[in-house]
Protein backbone atom coordinates (compact mmCIF):
# COMPACT_ATOMS: atom_id res chain seq x y z
CA MET A 1 12.47 63.61 66.58
CA THR A 2 14.43 61.52 69.07
CA ALA A 3 16.00 58.44 67.62
CA THR A 4 15.08 55.11 69.13
CA PRO A 5 17.72 52.48 69.95
CA ASP A 6 16.73 50.55 66.83
CA ASP A 7 17.23 53.65 64.70
CA ASN A 8 20.80 54.06 65.95
CA GLN A 9 21.98 50.78 64.49
CA PRO A 10 23.23 49.90 61.03
CA ALA A 11 20.31 48.93 58.83
CA PRO A 12 19.84 45.17 58.48
CA ARG A 13 20.49 43.60 55.10
CA ALA A 14 17.39 42.21 53.42
CA LYS A 15 17.56 38.55 52.39
CA MET A 16 16.36 37.46 48.97
CA HIS A 17 13.59 34.87 49.07
CA PRO A 18 14.66 31.53 47.48
CA ALA A 19 11.66 31.59 45.14
CA PHE A 20 12.59 35.07 43.91
CA ARG A 21 16.18 33.96 43.39
CA LEU A 22 14.98 30.95 41.37
CA VAL A 23 12.75 33.14 39.18
CA THR A 24 15.55 35.61 38.47
CA TRP A 25 17.88 32.79 37.42
CA LEU A 26 15.21 31.25 35.17
CA ILE A 27 14.62 34.63 33.50
CA THR A 28 18.38 35.08 33.13
CA PHE A 29 18.71 31.66 31.51
CA GLY A 30 15.88 32.60 29.14
CA CYS A 31 17.59 35.86 28.17
CA PHE A 32 20.88 34.10 27.44
CA TYR A 33 19.08 31.41 25.47
CA LEU A 34 17.35 34.01 23.27
CA VAL A 35 20.59 35.93 22.70
CA TYR A 36 22.49 32.74 21.87
CA GLY A 37 19.76 31.79 19.39
CA ARG A 38 20.14 35.13 17.61
CA VAL A 39 23.93 34.75 17.47
CA GLU A 40 23.66 31.19 16.17
CA GLU A 41 21.21 32.28 13.49
CA ALA A 42 23.52 35.10 12.34
CA ALA A 43 26.51 32.74 12.35
CA GLY A 44 24.63 30.22 10.24
CA ARG A 45 24.06 32.80 7.53
CA VAL A 46 27.84 33.02 6.99
CA ASP A 47 28.50 29.29 7.51
CA LEU A 48 30.12 29.66 10.93
CA THR A 49 29.39 28.24 14.35
CA ALA A 50 28.27 30.62 17.08
CA THR A 51 31.68 30.28 18.75
CA GLU A 52 33.57 31.08 15.54
CA TYR A 53 31.26 34.04 14.94
CA LEU A 54 31.99 35.47 18.40
CA ILE A 55 35.73 34.88 18.06
CA ASN A 56 35.80 36.76 14.75
CA PHE A 57 33.83 39.63 16.25
CA PHE A 58 36.25 40.13 19.14
CA ARG A 59 39.40 39.35 17.13
CA GLU A 60 38.80 42.27 14.78
CA ALA A 61 38.51 44.86 17.58
CA ASP A 62 41.26 47.37 18.44
CA TRP A 63 41.72 46.38 22.08
CA ILE A 64 44.50 48.84 22.89
CA LEU A 65 42.44 51.80 21.72
CA TRP A 66 39.44 50.37 23.57
CA LEU A 67 41.43 50.31 26.83
CA SER A 68 42.47 53.90 26.20
CA PHE A 69 38.75 54.76 26.33
CA MET A 70 37.68 52.52 29.17
CA ILE A 71 40.37 53.23 31.76
CA PRO A 72 39.93 57.05 31.78
CA TYR A 73 36.15 56.56 31.67
CA SER A 74 36.22 54.32 34.74
CA LEU A 75 38.36 56.81 36.66
CA PHE A 76 36.14 59.69 35.59
CA PHE A 77 33.02 57.78 36.62
CA PHE A 78 34.47 57.10 40.05
CA LEU A 79 35.28 60.76 40.72
CA VAL A 80 31.87 62.01 39.55
CA ASP A 81 30.05 59.27 41.45
CA ALA A 82 32.00 59.93 44.66
CA HIS A 83 31.39 63.67 44.39
CA ALA A 84 27.61 63.26 44.01
CA THR A 85 27.53 60.79 46.92
CA TRP A 86 29.56 63.18 49.08
CA ARG A 87 27.18 66.06 48.37
CA VAL A 88 24.11 64.04 49.36
CA ILE A 89 25.73 62.75 52.56
CA ARG A 90 26.82 66.26 53.51
CA TRP A 91 23.32 67.62 53.00
CA PHE A 92 21.38 64.92 54.82
CA ASN A 93 23.70 62.94 57.11
CA ALA A 94 27.11 64.33 58.04
CA PRO A 95 27.67 68.05 57.31
CA SER A 96 31.32 67.89 58.40
CA ILE A 97 32.34 65.03 56.13
CA ARG A 98 34.96 65.80 53.50
CA LEU A 99 35.28 64.49 49.95
CA ALA A 100 38.63 62.99 50.95
CA ASN A 101 36.79 60.82 53.50
CA ILE A 102 34.26 59.59 50.94
CA LEU A 103 36.71 58.69 48.15
CA PRO A 104 38.26 55.59 49.80
CA ILE A 105 34.93 54.31 51.15
CA ARG A 106 33.12 54.78 47.85
CA ALA A 107 35.98 53.12 45.98
CA SER A 108 36.10 50.19 48.38
CA ALA A 109 32.35 49.72 48.03
CA TYR A 110 32.98 48.87 44.37
CA ILE A 111 34.73 45.70 45.55
CA LEU A 112 31.61 44.60 47.42
CA SER A 113 29.47 45.62 44.45
CA LEU A 114 31.07 42.79 42.49
CA VAL A 115 28.89 40.53 44.63
CA ASN A 116 25.87 42.78 44.99
CA GLU A 117 25.29 46.50 44.47
CA GLN A 118 23.19 46.68 47.64
CA VAL A 119 26.06 45.25 49.69
CA GLY A 120 28.22 48.12 48.46
CA LYS A 121 25.64 50.64 49.61
CA GLY A 122 25.42 48.83 52.93
CA ALA A 123 29.16 49.37 53.37
CA MET A 124 28.63 53.11 52.94
CA SER A 125 25.93 53.02 55.60
CA LEU A 126 28.18 51.08 57.98
CA TYR A 127 30.94 53.65 57.52
CA LEU A 128 28.58 56.53 58.28
CA TYR A 129 27.39 54.78 61.42
CA GLN A 130 30.87 53.84 62.62
CA ARG A 131 32.48 57.23 62.07
CA TYR A 132 29.64 59.77 62.24
CA ARG A 133 26.99 57.88 64.23
CA VAL A 134 24.48 58.28 61.41
CA PRO A 135 21.60 55.87 62.10
CA GLY A 136 21.56 53.04 59.59
CA TRP A 137 18.13 53.72 58.13
CA GLU A 138 18.94 57.40 57.62
CA ALA A 139 22.11 56.52 55.73
CA ILE A 140 20.18 54.05 53.59
CA SER A 141 17.67 56.84 52.95
CA SER A 142 20.36 58.91 51.25
CA MET A 143 21.40 55.92 49.15
CA ILE A 144 17.78 55.41 48.07
CA LEU A 145 17.50 59.06 47.08
CA LEU A 146 20.64 58.70 44.99
CA GLY A 147 19.21 55.58 43.37
CA MET A 148 15.95 57.34 42.53
CA LEU A 149 17.81 60.23 40.92
CA GLU A 150 19.96 57.82 38.91
CA ILE A 151 16.75 56.40 37.44
CA TYR A 152 15.36 59.87 36.71
CA GLN A 153 18.63 60.89 35.11
CA LEU A 154 18.40 57.91 32.75
CA LEU A 155 14.78 58.76 31.96
CA ILE A 156 15.59 62.41 31.25
CA PHE A 157 18.48 61.63 28.93
CA SER A 158 16.49 58.94 27.20
CA ALA A 159 13.57 61.33 26.70
CA VAL A 160 15.89 63.91 25.17
CA GLY A 161 17.36 61.26 22.90
CA VAL A 162 13.93 60.00 21.85
CA ILE A 163 12.71 63.53 21.07
CA ILE A 164 15.78 64.44 19.01
CA TYR A 165 16.19 61.07 17.30
CA PHE A 166 12.59 59.87 17.20
CA ASP A 167 12.94 58.25 13.76
CA LEU A 168 15.85 56.10 15.00
CA VAL A 169 13.81 54.90 17.96
CA ARG A 170 10.83 54.13 15.75
CA MET A 171 12.99 52.05 13.40
CA ALA A 172 14.32 50.10 16.39
CA SER A 173 10.76 49.31 17.47
CA SER A 174 10.24 46.60 14.86
CA GLN A 175 10.76 43.78 17.38
CA LEU A 176 9.59 45.62 20.50
CA PRO A 177 7.00 48.43 20.87
CA LEU A 178 9.76 50.60 22.31
CA VAL A 179 8.18 53.95 21.48
CA ASN A 180 4.93 53.07 23.25
CA ILE A 181 6.74 51.61 26.25
CA LEU A 182 8.98 54.65 26.64
CA ILE A 183 6.11 57.12 26.29
CA VAL A 184 4.22 55.33 29.07
CA VAL A 185 7.31 55.24 31.32
CA PHE A 186 8.11 58.91 30.69
CA THR A 187 4.51 59.91 31.40
CA VAL A 188 4.33 57.97 34.67
CA ALA A 189 7.67 59.42 35.84
CA LEU A 190 6.59 62.94 34.89
CA ILE A 191 3.31 62.64 36.80
CA TYR A 192 4.91 61.05 39.86
CA PHE A 193 7.71 63.53 40.51
CA PRO A 194 5.60 66.62 41.42
CA LEU A 195 3.41 64.40 43.60
CA HIS A 196 6.59 63.14 45.26
CA LEU A 197 7.70 66.71 46.04
CA LEU A 198 4.26 67.69 47.34
CA TYR A 199 3.99 64.63 49.54
CA PHE A 200 7.39 64.92 51.19
CA GLY A 201 6.94 68.68 51.48
CA GLY A 202 3.79 68.03 53.53
CA ALA A 203 1.33 69.66 51.12
CA LEU A 204 -0.11 66.35 49.89
CA LEU A 205 -1.70 64.00 52.45
CA PRO A 206 -0.54 66.14 55.40
CA LYS A 207 -1.78 63.62 58.00
CA SER A 208 0.23 60.75 56.55
CA THR A 209 2.98 59.47 58.86
CA ILE A 210 4.82 57.30 56.34
CA ARG A 211 7.08 60.21 55.41
CA ASP A 212 8.25 60.39 59.05
CA LYS A 213 10.01 57.03 58.86
CA PRO A 214 13.83 57.18 59.23
CA LEU A 215 14.13 55.36 55.92
CA LEU A 216 12.60 58.41 54.19
CA ARG A 217 14.49 61.10 56.08
CA ALA A 218 16.51 62.27 53.04
CA PHE A 219 13.31 62.75 51.05
CA ARG A 220 11.79 64.84 53.85
CA ARG A 221 14.82 67.11 53.94
CA ALA A 222 15.41 67.33 50.20
CA ARG A 223 14.26 70.43 48.35
CA PRO A 224 13.81 70.77 44.57
CA VAL A 225 17.23 72.40 44.29
CA HIS A 226 18.84 69.32 45.83
CA TYR A 227 17.27 67.07 43.19
CA LEU A 228 18.39 69.42 40.42
CA LEU A 229 21.95 69.67 41.72
CA VAL A 230 22.37 65.90 42.06
CA LEU A 231 21.14 65.43 38.49
CA LEU A 232 23.65 68.03 37.30
CA PHE A 233 26.47 66.49 39.36
CA LYS A 234 25.84 63.03 37.88
CA ALA A 235 25.04 64.11 34.31
CA PRO A 236 28.68 64.10 33.10
CA ASN A 237 28.91 60.35 33.73
CA LEU A 238 26.06 59.53 31.37
CA LEU A 239 27.21 61.95 28.69
CA VAL A 240 30.69 60.47 28.74
CA ALA A 241 29.20 56.94 28.77
CA VAL A 242 27.29 57.72 25.56
CA MET A 243 30.51 58.92 23.90
CA VAL A 244 32.56 55.96 25.16
CA TYR A 245 29.99 53.37 24.07
CA THR A 246 29.63 54.99 20.66
CA ALA A 247 33.40 55.01 20.13
CA SER A 248 33.82 51.49 21.53
CA LEU A 249 31.17 50.01 19.24
CA ALA A 250 32.95 51.57 16.29
CA LEU A 251 36.13 49.74 17.37
CA PHE A 252 34.13 46.50 17.22
CA HIS A 253 32.93 47.44 13.72
CA VAL A 254 29.36 48.06 14.82
CA ASP A 255 27.81 50.95 12.91
CA VAL A 256 26.03 53.06 15.53
CA SER A 257 25.49 56.80 15.81
CA PHE A 258 25.76 59.11 18.79
CA GLY A 259 22.02 59.73 18.46
CA GLN A 260 21.21 56.05 18.78
CA MET A 261 23.36 55.76 21.89
CA LEU A 262 21.82 58.87 23.43
CA ALA A 263 18.35 57.43 22.93
CA PHE A 264 19.12 53.77 23.71
CA LEU A 265 21.91 53.65 26.29
CA PRO A 266 19.89 55.14 29.18
CA VAL A 267 17.16 52.57 28.48
CA ILE A 268 19.77 49.79 28.41
CA PHE A 269 21.17 51.01 31.73
CA LEU A 270 17.65 50.90 33.16
CA ALA A 271 17.34 47.30 32.02
CA ALA A 272 20.71 46.61 33.64
CA ALA A 273 19.25 47.80 36.94
CA LEU A 274 16.78 44.90 36.97
CA PRO A 275 17.64 42.33 39.68
CA LEU A 276 18.89 39.74 37.20
CA PRO A 277 22.30 38.05 37.34
CA PHE A 278 24.85 39.19 34.73
CA HIS A 279 22.60 42.12 33.79
CA ALA A 280 20.66 39.73 31.58
CA GLY A 281 17.93 42.28 30.89
CA ALA A 282 20.41 44.67 29.30
CA LEU A 283 22.04 41.79 27.42
CA LEU A 284 18.76 40.92 25.72
CA LEU A 285 17.81 44.55 25.08
CA TRP A 286 21.07 45.17 23.22
CA THR A 287 20.20 42.44 20.71
CA VAL A 288 16.63 43.71 20.37
CA LEU A 289 17.73 47.28 19.68
CA PHE A 290 20.48 46.21 17.28
CA PRO A 291 19.07 43.09 15.58
CA GLU A 292 21.58 43.31 12.72
CA TYR A 293 24.40 42.94 15.29
CA PRO A 294 23.33 40.10 17.63
CA VAL A 295 26.83 39.88 19.11
CA VAL A 296 26.43 43.28 20.80
CA GLY A 297 25.05 41.31 23.74
CA ALA A 298 28.49 39.76 24.18
CA PHE A 299 30.02 43.21 23.70
CA SER A 300 27.88 44.53 26.56
CA LEU A 301 29.12 41.73 28.83
CA VAL A 302 32.73 42.63 28.04
CA MET A 303 32.08 46.34 28.70
CA HIS A 304 30.31 45.68 31.97
CA THR A 305 32.82 43.10 33.19
CA PHE A 306 35.76 45.38 32.54
CA PHE A 307 34.00 48.35 34.10
CA VAL A 308 33.10 46.66 37.39
CA SER A 309 36.45 44.87 37.54
CA PHE A 310 38.46 48.06 37.02
CA ASN A 311 36.30 49.84 39.60
CA ALA A 312 37.16 47.05 42.00
CA VAL A 313 40.85 47.64 41.24
CA ILE A 314 40.32 51.30 42.17
CA GLY A 315 38.76 50.01 45.38
CA LEU A 316 41.78 47.84 46.11
CA VAL A 317 44.05 50.87 45.73
CA PHE A 318 41.98 52.77 48.29
CA LEU A 319 41.33 49.77 50.56
CA PRO A 320 44.12 50.43 53.12
CA LYS A 321 42.92 54.00 53.61
CA ALA A 322 39.29 52.83 53.74
CA ASN A 323 40.19 50.40 56.53
CA ARG A 324 41.86 53.20 58.48
CA GLU A 325 38.81 55.42 57.97
CA LEU A 326 36.45 52.67 59.10
CA PHE A 327 38.31 51.03 61.96
CA THR A 328 40.53 53.73 63.50
CA GLY A 329 39.83 57.00 65.26
CA GLY A 330 40.15 60.35 63.57
CA GLU A 331 38.62 63.73 63.05
CA ALA A 332 35.09 62.37 62.90
CA ASP A 333 35.38 60.69 66.28
CA LYS A 334 36.74 63.90 67.78
CA ALA A 335 33.90 65.89 66.24
CA ILE A 336 31.38 63.46 67.74
CA ALA A 337 32.99 63.71 71.16
CA ASP A 338 32.84 67.50 71.04
CA THR A 339 29.11 67.61 70.29
């Protein structure tokens, strides 16, 4: 299919409607209010203010050992994330691209992700357009495919955790019908995925033209083996995250098992993906899943803040090389000229 002039431009960035922004901030305020109320209630039981309760919680942690977990984890996450991104881009956008080209761009995107995750993905799309003349919508298509598989990865790990540690999940469902919610979500995801493969393979609704849109190009080209490989490439990040969170909570004197983290952390990460400032959905879910430790909401903020901040530091290290990749000529430009 011949690309139109509009297709050969970087994809425009969608603007958030003011009403939607207002609603997300109201929900965020509500989440923080509920979490603060739980912390204040727990503090009152030991004759402390909420502030004193939080200070005691963080003062007793082993911060040096915590950093010895978090720094290697952040570096490991970056390498695994960049590798999975590189594979998808090679398959569907730029076959000649090297991992060495992706590393600085992916790292630099973490800086933009401090503002908005979608802005970071937009930077990847701009790079692919500038250096490899990949149409903007097609680049975004690969990012959407990666996002979809991140969600499925969380669902798969959570399902495994729920099956193995079902009793733990049931005990955590006293304040939220978590078991019922998860079963519904798992069932919907399980039913959708084969329909997804059939549709983009052309066997389902063969006369439909929606699949021909540039925004869905990666899905048209993807085969089941591609989905499987991406899940395998990204799996180490979640497994290590479960171990790091389990060990980190122990440093904050929160009694949690590996099984609980395996079952709960993917669900918490899904809540963090909601378009709420400060990952307020995950903040509230932490306190729901661990009602005896209401301060784990604050713990989650510390974990997330350090993680995104350290990733941005990685981006700053790679920023000079990323600028050279994005704004100067090189092997990609030569390859384009030769085609």
